[in-house]
């Protein structure tokens, strides 16, 4: 039994090392984002805003700039099990597949916030 646990622990360690190595060898293709510009007064009051080079109104924010209520609402609405799964929620995928088969059309999705961010990248 102890040998089996050592083999499993070793396999998990090798798997984690392989994932870490793959991330270093083939990093995600994150493109440089040039945020939109904001002209402000000396006090920091916004006077005028400009879209970025692609015409998108994209402004840099930190997690502290976002209301905790908004984050709670986003997580609850989009992925209420966000803190309880490793990035993929198999139960949501099975549920969405079952609903799609029984209804004959897409009723709901099974993607998590992590999967949505990965798709956007």
Protein backbone atom coordinates (compact mmCIF):
# COMPACT_ATOMS: atom_id res chain seq x y z
CA UNK A 1 0.00 0.00 0.00
CA UNK A 2 2.83 2.38 0.87
CA UNK A 3 4.56 1.65 -2.45
CA UNK A 4 1.33 2.44 -4.33
CA UNK A 5 1.04 5.80 -2.56
CA UNK A 6 4.66 6.62 -3.45
CA UNK A 7 4.03 5.76 -7.10
CA UNK A 8 0.90 7.93 -7.21
CA UNK A 9 2.72 10.83 -5.49
CA UNK A 10 5.61 10.48 -7.93
CA UNK A 11 3.26 10.42 -10.91
CA UNK A 12 1.47 13.55 -9.68
CA UNK A 13 4.80 15.29 -9.14
CA UNK A 14 5.95 14.37 -12.66
CA UNK A 15 2.64 15.58 -14.09
CA UNK A 16 2.94 18.91 -12.25
CA UNK A 17 6.55 19.27 -13.44
CA UNK A 18 5.47 18.52 -17.03
CA UNK A 19 2.73 21.19 -16.85
CA UNK A 20 5.16 23.72 -15.39
CA UNK A 21 7.74 22.90 -18.09
CA UNK A 22 5.15 23.17 -20.86
CA UNK A 23 4.11 26.60 -19.56
CA UNK A 24 7.73 27.76 -19.66
CA UNK A 25 8.44 26.26 -23.12
CA UNK A 26 5.15 27.27 -24.78
CA UNK A 27 3.74 30.27 -22.88
CA UNK A 28 0.29 31.57 -23.69
CA UNK A 29 0.32 34.11 -26.53
CA UNK A 30 -0.68 37.15 -24.51
CA UNK A 31 -0.73 40.18 -26.74
CA UNK A 32 0.33 43.53 -25.43
CA UNK A 33 -2.74 45.63 -24.69
CA UNK A 34 -2.46 49.36 -25.12
CA UNK A 35 -5.21 50.73 -22.91
CA UNK A 36 -7.35 53.70 -23.79
CA UNK A 37 -6.19 57.09 -22.54
CA UNK A 38 -7.87 59.36 -20.07
CA UNK A 39 -7.09 63.07 -19.75
CA UNK A 40 -7.46 64.12 -16.12
CA UNK A 41 -7.17 67.30 -14.08
CA UNK A 42 -4.49 67.80 -11.45
CA UNK A 43 -6.97 66.43 -8.89
CA UNK A 44 -7.54 63.30 -10.97
CA UNK A 45 -11.02 64.18 -12.29
CA UNK A 46 -11.47 62.74 -15.82
CA UNK A 47 -11.92 65.41 -18.51
CA UNK A 48 -11.86 63.38 -21.72
CA UNK A 49 -11.49 59.74 -22.71
CA UNK A 50 -10.02 58.21 -25.85
CA UNK A 51 -10.51 54.70 -27.22
CA UNK A 52 -7.42 52.55 -27.86
CA UNK A 53 -5.88 51.91 -31.29
CA UNK A 54 -8.55 49.30 -32.09
CA UNK A 55 -11.42 51.60 -31.13
CA UNK A 56 -12.09 49.71 -27.90
CA UNK A 57 -12.77 51.53 -24.64
CA UNK A 58 -10.36 49.51 -22.53
CA UNK A 59 -9.12 50.99 -19.26
CA UNK A 60 -6.62 49.43 -16.87
CA UNK A 61 -7.99 48.51 -13.46
CA UNK A 62 -6.75 46.59 -10.48
CA UNK A 63 -8.78 44.20 -8.38
CA UNK A 64 -8.99 46.95 -5.73
CA UNK A 65 -10.71 49.25 -8.27
CA UNK A 66 -13.59 46.80 -8.73
CA UNK A 67 -16.43 46.61 -6.22
CA UNK A 68 -16.43 43.37 -4.21
CA UNK A 69 -20.20 43.24 -4.78
CA UNK A 70 -19.65 43.20 -8.55
CA UNK A 71 -17.08 40.40 -8.24
CA UNK A 72 -19.43 38.39 -6.03
CA UNK A 73 -22.30 38.90 -8.49
CA UNK A 74 -20.11 37.97 -11.46
CA UNK A 75 -18.86 34.78 -9.85
CA UNK A 76 -22.33 33.83 -8.61
CA UNK A 77 -23.94 34.41 -12.02
CA UNK A 78 -21.21 33.02 -14.28
CA UNK A 79 -19.62 30.27 -12.18
CA UNK A 80 -21.01 29.79 -8.69
CA UNK A 81 -18.67 26.81 -8.07
CA UNK A 82 -15.60 28.89 -9.05
CA UNK A 83 -13.86 28.37 -5.71
CA UNK A 84 -14.64 24.63 -5.61
CA UNK A 85 -13.33 23.29 -8.94
CA UNK A 86 -9.89 23.23 -10.61
CA UNK A 87 -10.94 25.28 -13.66
CA UNK A 88 -13.23 22.73 -15.28
CA UNK A 89 -16.54 21.77 -13.68
CA UNK A 90 -17.38 18.27 -14.92
CA UNK A 91 -20.85 18.38 -13.36
CA UNK A 92 -21.74 21.55 -15.29
CA UNK A 93 -20.47 20.03 -18.54
CA UNK A 94 -22.49 16.84 -17.98
CA UNK A 95 -25.58 18.89 -17.06
CA UNK A 96 -25.25 21.08 -20.15
CA UNK A 97 -24.72 18.03 -22.38
CA UNK A 98 -27.76 16.27 -20.87
CA UNK A 99 -29.95 19.35 -21.32
CA UNK A 100 -28.76 19.70 -24.91
CA UNK A 101 -29.52 16.07 -25.72
CA UNK A 102 -32.94 16.02 -24.07
CA UNK A 103 -34.05 19.42 -25.45
CA UNK A 104 -32.50 18.99 -28.89
CA UNK A 105 -30.91 22.43 -28.65
CA UNK A 106 -28.47 24.35 -26.48
CA UNK A 107 -30.21 25.17 -23.21
CA UNK A 108 -27.25 26.16 -21.05
CA UNK A 109 -23.49 26.11 -21.13
CA UNK A 110 -21.04 24.31 -18.93
CA UNK A 111 -18.06 26.61 -19.20
CA UNK A 112 -16.39 28.07 -16.15
CA UNK A 113 -14.89 31.54 -15.81
CA UNK A 114 -11.48 29.91 -16.24
CA UNK A 115 -12.57 28.31 -19.52
CA UNK A 116 -14.00 31.62 -20.74
CA UNK A 117 -10.74 33.45 -20.03
CA UNK A 118 -8.76 30.69 -21.77
CA UNK A 119 -11.01 31.03 -24.83
CA UNK A 120 -10.50 34.80 -24.90
CA UNK A 121 -6.72 34.38 -24.75
